Amino acid sequence: MKTTITKDNNTTIFALNGRLDSNSAPQFEEELQDFLVSPCTHLLFDFNNLEYISSAGLRIILNIAKAYKSCHYLFVTCAMQEHVQEVFEISGFDSFITIHRSLADSLSALKGRE
């Protein structure tokens, strides 16, 4: 899996490309270490090019959601392919993680939030 990290105002955007599985999860978790320990910006995962997510990937998402639950910054996701969104729905993650339709919708929702 490849990640591209960009910033937009007070939001850090991780665009994921490929498969988030047991092979790629450790490296992705390492990239997210600062956000897990001390969130300092809003965090947005752009899943537009994510082809697959396994339980190892869901565990990382859960840990990020927990880290962001106790701070004033927000964690959101966007642009899920249908089969990835289905995994979130079946696992119940859609009940506690905000999923926007597009990157633009996510950025609009986060704009002006400190």
C-alpha atoms as a PDB file:
ATOM      1  CA  MET A   1       0.000   0.000   0.000  1.00  0.00           C
ATOM      2  CA  LYS A   2       1.133   3.508  -0.758  1.00  0.00           C
ATOM      3  CA  THR A   3       0.128   6.563   1.246  1.00  0.00           C
ATOM      4  CA  THR A   4       0.325  10.172   0.170  1.00  0.00           C
ATOM      5  CA  ILE A   5       0.262  12.719   2.969  1.00  0.00           C
ATOM      6  CA  THR A   6      -0.848  16.308   2.366  1.00  0.00           C
ATOM      7  CA  LYS A   7      -2.111  19.180   4.499  1.00  0.00           C
ATOM      8  CA  ASP A   8      -5.062  21.480   3.958  1.00  0.00           C
ATOM      9  CA  ASN A   9      -5.385  24.198   6.598  1.00  0.00           C
ATOM     10  CA  ASN A  10      -5.652  22.362   9.926  1.00  0.00           C
ATOM     11  CA  THR A  11      -6.220  18.922   8.375  1.00  0.00           C
ATOM     12  CA  THR A  12      -3.722  16.183   7.590  1.00  0.00           C
ATOM     13  CA  ILE A  13      -4.890  14.019   4.689  1.00  0.00           C
ATOM     14  CA  PHE A  14      -3.732  10.449   4.182  1.00  0.00           C
ATOM     15  CA  ALA A  15      -4.654   9.198   0.696  1.00  0.00           C
ATOM     16  CA  LEU A  16      -4.421   5.411   0.725  1.00  0.00           C
ATOM     17  CA  ASN A  17      -3.705   3.481  -2.437  1.00  0.00           C
ATOM     18  CA  GLY A  18      -3.749  -0.320  -2.623  1.00  0.00           C
ATOM     19  CA  ARG A  19      -4.427  -2.832   0.122  1.00  0.00           C
ATOM     20  CA  LEU A  20      -4.442  -2.198   3.868  1.00  0.00           C
ATOM     21  CA  ASP A  21      -3.791  -5.690   5.152  1.00  0.00           C
ATOM     22  CA  SER A  22      -1.491  -7.548   7.530  1.00  0.00           C
ATOM     23  CA  ASN A  23       1.482  -6.878   5.245  1.00  0.00           C
ATOM     24  CA  SER A  24       1.015  -3.112   4.969  1.00  0.00           C
ATOM     25  CA  ALA A  25      -0.581  -2.389   8.371  1.00  0.00           C
ATOM     26  CA  PRO A  26       2.660  -2.196  10.428  1.00  0.00           C
ATOM     27  CA  GLN A  27       4.200   0.437   8.146  1.00  0.00           C
ATOM     28  CA  PHE A  28       0.947   2.427   8.027  1.00  0.00           C
ATOM     29  CA  GLU A  29       0.680   2.319  11.818  1.00  0.00           C
ATOM     30  CA  GLU A  30       4.240   3.642  12.054  1.00  0.00           C
ATOM     31  CA  GLU A  31       3.318   6.563   9.766  1.00  0.00           C
ATOM     32  CA  LEU A  32       0.403   7.331  12.090  1.00  0.00           C
ATOM     33  CA  GLN A  33       2.350   7.075  15.355  1.00  0.00           C
ATOM     34  CA  ASP A  34       2.311  10.817  16.115  1.00  0.00           C
ATOM     35  CA  PHE A  35      -1.453  10.951  15.548  1.00  0.00           C
ATOM     36  CA  LEU A  36      -2.003   7.961  17.838  1.00  0.00           C
ATOM     37  CA  VAL A  37       0.048   9.492  20.651  1.00  0.00           C
ATOM     38  CA  SER A  38      -0.848  13.159  20.382  1.00  0.00           C
ATOM     39  CA  PRO A  39      -3.314  14.324  17.714  1.00  0.00           C
ATOM     40  CA  CYS A  40      -2.373  17.841  16.610  1.00  0.00           C
ATOM     41  CA  THR A  41      -4.554  18.348  13.510  1.00  0.00           C
ATOM     42  CA  HIS A  42      -7.786  17.012  12.104  1.00  0.00           C
ATOM     43  CA  LEU A  43      -7.127  13.697  10.374  1.00  0.00           C
ATOM     44  CA  LEU A  44      -8.743  12.649   7.113  1.00  0.00           C
ATOM     45  CA  PHE A  45      -8.334   9.277   5.422  1.00  0.00           C
ATOM     46  CA  ASP A  46      -9.107   9.422   1.707  1.00  0.00           C
ATOM     47  CA  PHE A  47     -10.081   5.869   0.726  1.00  0.00           C
ATOM     48  CA  ASN A  48     -10.772   6.620  -2.940  1.00  0.00           C
ATOM     49  CA  ASN A  49      -7.974   4.315  -4.109  1.00  0.00           C
ATOM     50  CA  LEU A  50      -8.086   1.805  -1.263  1.00  0.00           C
ATOM     51  CA  GLU A  51      -8.835  -1.559  -2.860  1.00  0.00           C
ATOM     52  CA  TYR A  52      -9.059  -3.731   0.259  1.00  0.00           C
ATOM     53  CA  ILE A  53      -9.028  -3.480   4.059  1.00  0.00           C
ATOM     54  CA  SER A  54      -8.474  -6.417   6.405  1.00  0.00           C
ATOM     55  CA  SER A  55      -9.001  -6.806  10.135  1.00  0.00           C
ATOM     56  CA  ALA A  56      -5.427  -5.564  10.645  1.00  0.00           C
ATOM     57  CA  GLY A  57      -6.385  -2.353   8.853  1.00  0.00           C
ATOM     58  CA  LEU A  58      -9.612  -2.034  10.827  1.00  0.00           C
ATOM     59  CA  ARG A  59      -7.609  -2.341  14.054  1.00  0.00           C
ATOM     60  CA  ILE A  60      -5.552   0.705  13.044  1.00  0.00           C
ATOM     61  CA  ILE A  61      -8.721   2.634  12.188  1.00  0.00           C
ATOM     62  CA  LEU A  62     -10.155   1.715  15.601  1.00  0.00           C
ATOM     63  CA  ASN A  63      -6.995   2.892  17.390  1.00  0.00           C
ATOM     64  CA  ILE A  64      -7.079   6.206  15.528  1.00  0.00           C
ATOM     65  CA  ALA A  65     -10.778   6.671  16.355  1.00  0.00           C
ATOM     66  CA  LYS A  66     -10.004   6.051  20.042  1.00  0.00           C
ATOM     67  CA  ALA A  67      -7.108   8.531  20.011  1.00  0.00           C
ATOM     68  CA  TYR A  68      -9.305  11.197  18.447  1.00  0.00           C
ATOM     69  CA  LYS A  69     -12.289  10.552  20.695  1.00  0.00           C
ATOM     70  CA  SER A  70     -10.599  12.241  23.633  1.00  0.00           C
ATOM     71  CA  CYS A  71      -9.312  15.352  21.831  1.00  0.00           C
ATOM     72  CA  HIS A  72     -10.887  18.358  20.152  1.00  0.00           C
ATOM     73  CA  TYR A  73      -9.639  17.465  16.667  1.00  0.00           C
ATOM     74  CA  LEU A  74     -11.769  15.295  14.367  1.00  0.00           C
ATOM     75  CA  PHE A  75     -11.036  12.078  12.502  1.00  0.00           C
ATOM     76  CA  VAL A  76     -13.062  11.478   9.336  1.00  0.00           C
ATOM     77  CA  THR A  77     -12.908   9.293   6.245  1.00  0.00           C
ATOM     78  CA  CYS A  78     -14.111   9.789   2.708  1.00  0.00           C
ATOM     79  CA  ALA A  79     -14.563   8.420  -0.781  1.00  0.00           C
ATOM     80  CA  MET A  80     -14.872   4.733   0.098  1.00  0.00           C
ATOM     81  CA  GLN A  81     -15.322   2.271  -2.685  1.00  0.00           C
ATOM     82  CA  GLU A  82     -18.522   0.290  -2.242  1.00  0.00           C
ATOM     83  CA  HIS A  83     -16.842  -2.940  -1.089  1.00  0.00           C
ATOM     84  CA  VAL A  84     -14.698  -1.067   1.473  1.00  0.00           C
ATOM     85  CA  GLN A  85     -17.750   0.776   2.813  1.00  0.00           C
ATOM     86  CA  GLU A  86     -19.513  -2.571   3.113  1.00  0.00           C
ATOM     87  CA  VAL A  87     -16.714  -3.802   5.408  1.00  0.00           C
ATOM     88  CA  PHE A  88     -17.193  -0.695   7.586  1.00  0.00           C
ATOM     89  CA  GLU A  89     -20.948  -1.277   7.711  1.00  0.00           C
ATOM     90  CA  ILE A  90     -20.705  -4.999   8.497  1.00  0.00           C
ATOM     91  CA  SER A  91     -18.123  -4.373  11.230  1.00  0.00           C
ATOM     92  CA  GLY A  92     -20.195  -1.521  12.689  1.00  0.00           C
ATOM     93  CA  PHE A  93     -17.402   1.019  12.200  1.00  0.00           C
ATOM     94  CA  ASP A  94     -19.786   3.310  10.325  1.00  0.00           C
ATOM     95  CA  SER A  95     -21.604   3.875  13.633  1.00  0.00           C
ATOM     96  CA  PHE A  96     -18.665   5.727  15.206  1.00  0.00           C
ATOM     97  CA  ILE A  97     -16.563   6.906  12.253  1.00  0.00           C
ATOM     98  CA  THR A  98     -17.717   9.746  10.031  1.00  0.00           C
ATOM     99  CA  ILE A  99     -17.719   8.781   6.356  1.00  0.00           C
ATOM    100  CA  HIS A 100     -18.104  11.525   3.762  1.00  0.00           C
ATOM    101  CA  ARG A 101     -18.842  10.908   0.097  1.00  0.00           C
ATOM    102  CA  SER A 102     -15.893  12.924  -1.200  1.00  0.00           C
ATOM    103  CA  LEU A 103     -12.694  14.671  -0.213  1.00  0.00           C
ATOM    104  CA  ALA A 104     -14.377  18.020  -0.886  1.00  0.00           C
ATOM    105  CA  ASP A 105     -17.268  17.146   1.448  1.00  0.00           C
ATOM    106  CA  SER A 106     -14.819  16.187   4.195  1.00  0.00           C
ATOM    107  CA  LEU A 107     -12.741  19.335   3.844  1.00  0.00           C
ATOM    108  CA  SER A 108     -15.887  21.460   3.817  1.00  0.00           C
ATOM    109  CA  ALA A 109     -17.103  19.799   7.039  1.00  0.00           C
ATOM    110  CA  LEU A 110     -13.738  20.354   8.724  1.00  0.00           C
ATOM    111  CA  LYS A 111     -13.238  23.919   7.495  1.00  0.00           C
ATOM    112  CA  GLY A 112     -13.243  26.401  10.331  1.00  0.00           C
ATOM    113  CA  ARG A 113     -13.167  23.730  13.039  1.00  0.00           C
ATOM    114  CA  GLU A 114     -10.236  24.260  15.375  1.00  0.00           C
END
